Amino acid sequence: MSFELEKNKDLGAKPIVINIHNESLSNQNFRTALWTGEYLQVSVMSIPVGGEIGLELHDDLDQFIKIESGCANVYMGSSKQCLKF
């Protein structure tokens, strides 16, 4: 089952099928949440060159990062003082 995405609207836990590549490339916003479930959120971001999102904490869910173009530094760890990964 596929749903038409309403721009800038999180569809919540409804099941959806999307082309994440196309959604990423067409996104003009810094951050747009497309779908939020109990343990996962799907967001697309458009971060300007030299920009950053700052530190985030996700204790209760998984995060998947896919870079469409350019380069990125991603730091992960058990705390902001211990970014070993």
C-alpha atoms as a PDB file:
ATOM      1  CA  MET A   1       0.000   0.000   0.000  1.00  0.00           C
ATOM      2  CA  SER A   2       1.361   3.431  -0.903  1.00  0.00           C
ATOM      3  CA  PHE A   3       0.309   6.868   0.309  1.00  0.00           C
ATOM      4  CA  GLU A   4       0.893  10.253  -1.288  1.00  0.00           C
ATOM      5  CA  LEU A   5       3.129  12.280   1.022  1.00  0.00           C
ATOM      6  CA  GLU A   6       1.733  15.567   2.187  1.00  0.00           C
ATOM      7  CA  LYS A   7       4.661  17.969   2.152  1.00  0.00           C
ATOM      8  CA  ASN A   8       5.893  18.991   5.604  1.00  0.00           C
ATOM      9  CA  LYS A   9       3.508  16.617   7.359  1.00  0.00           C
ATOM     10  CA  ASP A  10       4.599  13.644   9.445  1.00  0.00           C
ATOM     11  CA  LEU A  11       2.342  10.715   8.572  1.00  0.00           C
ATOM     12  CA  GLY A  12       2.751   9.161  11.996  1.00  0.00           C
ATOM     13  CA  ALA A  13       2.663   5.396  12.239  1.00  0.00           C
ATOM     14  CA  LYS A  14       0.577   4.837   9.080  1.00  0.00           C
ATOM     15  CA  PRO A  15       2.304   2.356   6.746  1.00  0.00           C
ATOM     16  CA  ILE A  16       3.884   4.079   3.759  1.00  0.00           C
ATOM     17  CA  VAL A  17       6.039   3.258   0.766  1.00  0.00           C
ATOM     18  CA  ILE A  18       8.268   6.093  -0.423  1.00  0.00           C
ATOM     19  CA  ASN A  19      11.279   6.614  -2.634  1.00  0.00           C
ATOM     20  CA  ILE A  20      13.666   7.951   0.025  1.00  0.00           C
ATOM     21  CA  HIS A  21      16.188   8.990  -2.646  1.00  0.00           C
ATOM     22  CA  ASN A  22      13.644  11.230  -4.416  1.00  0.00           C
ATOM     23  CA  GLU A  23      12.316  12.609  -1.132  1.00  0.00           C
ATOM     24  CA  SER A  24      15.864  13.469  -0.029  1.00  0.00           C
ATOM     25  CA  LEU A  25      16.744  15.201  -3.274  1.00  0.00           C
ATOM     26  CA  SER A  26      13.514  17.215  -3.428  1.00  0.00           C
ATOM     27  CA  ASN A  27      13.637  18.324   0.234  1.00  0.00           C
ATOM     28  CA  GLN A  28      14.326  22.054   0.604  1.00  0.00           C
ATOM     29  CA  ASN A  29      13.957  22.191   4.396  1.00  0.00           C
ATOM     30  CA  PHE A  30      16.667  21.807   6.993  1.00  0.00           C
ATOM     31  CA  ARG A  31      14.702  18.915   8.519  1.00  0.00           C
ATOM     32  CA  THR A  32      11.437  17.309   7.491  1.00  0.00           C
ATOM     33  CA  ALA A  33      10.031  14.371   9.479  1.00  0.00           C
ATOM     34  CA  LEU A  34       8.195  12.090   7.055  1.00  0.00           C
ATOM     35  CA  TRP A  35       7.226   9.236   9.342  1.00  0.00           C
ATOM     36  CA  THR A  36       7.451   8.536  13.080  1.00  0.00           C
ATOM     37  CA  GLY A  37       6.920   5.113  14.590  1.00  0.00           C
ATOM     38  CA  GLU A  38       7.544   3.760  18.051  1.00  0.00           C
ATOM     39  CA  TYR A  39      11.264   3.028  17.533  1.00  0.00           C
ATOM     40  CA  LEU A  40      12.170   4.801  14.290  1.00  0.00           C
ATOM     41  CA  GLN A  41      11.721   8.183  12.659  1.00  0.00           C
ATOM     42  CA  VAL A  42      12.312   8.867   8.959  1.00  0.00           C
ATOM     43  CA  SER A  43      13.477  12.417   8.325  1.00  0.00           C
ATOM     44  CA  VAL A  44      15.126  14.072   5.363  1.00  0.00           C
ATOM     45  CA  MET A  45      17.499  16.979   5.847  1.00  0.00           C
ATOM     46  CA  SER A  46      19.146  19.589   3.670  1.00  0.00           C
ATOM     47  CA  ILE A  47      22.239  20.729   5.551  1.00  0.00           C
ATOM     48  CA  PRO A  48      24.181  23.610   3.961  1.00  0.00           C
ATOM     49  CA  VAL A  49      27.893  23.272   3.226  1.00  0.00           C
ATOM     50  CA  GLY A  50      29.745  23.763   6.512  1.00  0.00           C
ATOM     51  CA  GLY A  51      26.510  23.326   8.472  1.00  0.00           C
ATOM     52  CA  GLU A  52      25.898  20.965  11.339  1.00  0.00           C
ATOM     53  CA  ILE A  53      22.991  19.507  13.265  1.00  0.00           C
ATOM     54  CA  GLY A  54      24.740  19.443  16.623  1.00  0.00           C
ATOM     55  CA  LEU A  55      24.693  16.622  19.112  1.00  0.00           C
ATOM     56  CA  GLU A  56      21.573  14.472  19.358  1.00  0.00           C
ATOM     57  CA  LEU A  57      20.651  11.733  21.808  1.00  0.00           C
ATOM     58  CA  HIS A  58      18.624   8.710  20.690  1.00  0.00           C
ATOM     59  CA  ASP A  59      18.417   6.290  23.627  1.00  0.00           C
ATOM     60  CA  ASP A  60      15.154   4.668  22.609  1.00  0.00           C
ATOM     61  CA  LEU A  61      15.287   4.393  18.826  1.00  0.00           C
ATOM     62  CA  ASP A  62      17.518   3.608  15.887  1.00  0.00           C
ATOM     63  CA  GLN A  63      18.862   6.184  13.462  1.00  0.00           C
ATOM     64  CA  PHE A  64      19.842   5.548   9.850  1.00  0.00           C
ATOM     65  CA  ILE A  65      21.996   8.114   8.021  1.00  0.00           C
ATOM     66  CA  LYS A  66      22.319   8.225   4.236  1.00  0.00           C
ATOM     67  CA  ILE A  67      24.334  11.005   2.598  1.00  0.00           C
ATOM     68  CA  GLU A  68      22.990  11.806  -0.895  1.00  0.00           C
ATOM     69  CA  SER A  69      25.830  14.109  -1.915  1.00  0.00           C
ATOM     70  CA  GLY A  70      28.900  15.716  -0.415  1.00  0.00           C
ATOM     71  CA  CYS A  71      30.824  14.531   2.617  1.00  0.00           C
ATOM     72  CA  ALA A  72      29.963  14.338   6.276  1.00  0.00           C
ATOM     73  CA  ASN A  73      31.586  13.662   9.625  1.00  0.00           C
ATOM     74  CA  VAL A  74      29.375  11.567  11.879  1.00  0.00           C
ATOM     75  CA  TYR A  75      30.465  11.127  15.500  1.00  0.00           C
ATOM     76  CA  MET A  76      28.791   8.535  17.703  1.00  0.00           C
ATOM     77  CA  GLY A  77      29.367   7.319  21.227  1.00  0.00           C
ATOM     78  CA  SER A  78      27.905   6.599  24.617  1.00  0.00           C
ATOM     79  CA  SER A  79      28.045  10.278  25.689  1.00  0.00           C
ATOM     80  CA  LYS A  80      29.124  13.637  24.292  1.00  0.00           C
ATOM     81  CA  GLN A  81      32.413  13.207  26.140  1.00  0.00           C
ATOM     82  CA  CYS A  82      32.961   9.754  24.569  1.00  0.00           C
ATOM     83  CA  LEU A  83      32.411  10.000  20.799  1.00  0.00           C
ATOM     84  CA  LYS A  84      34.531   6.959  19.837  1.00  0.00           C
ATOM     85  CA  PHE A  85      32.656   5.701  16.769  1.00  0.00           C
END
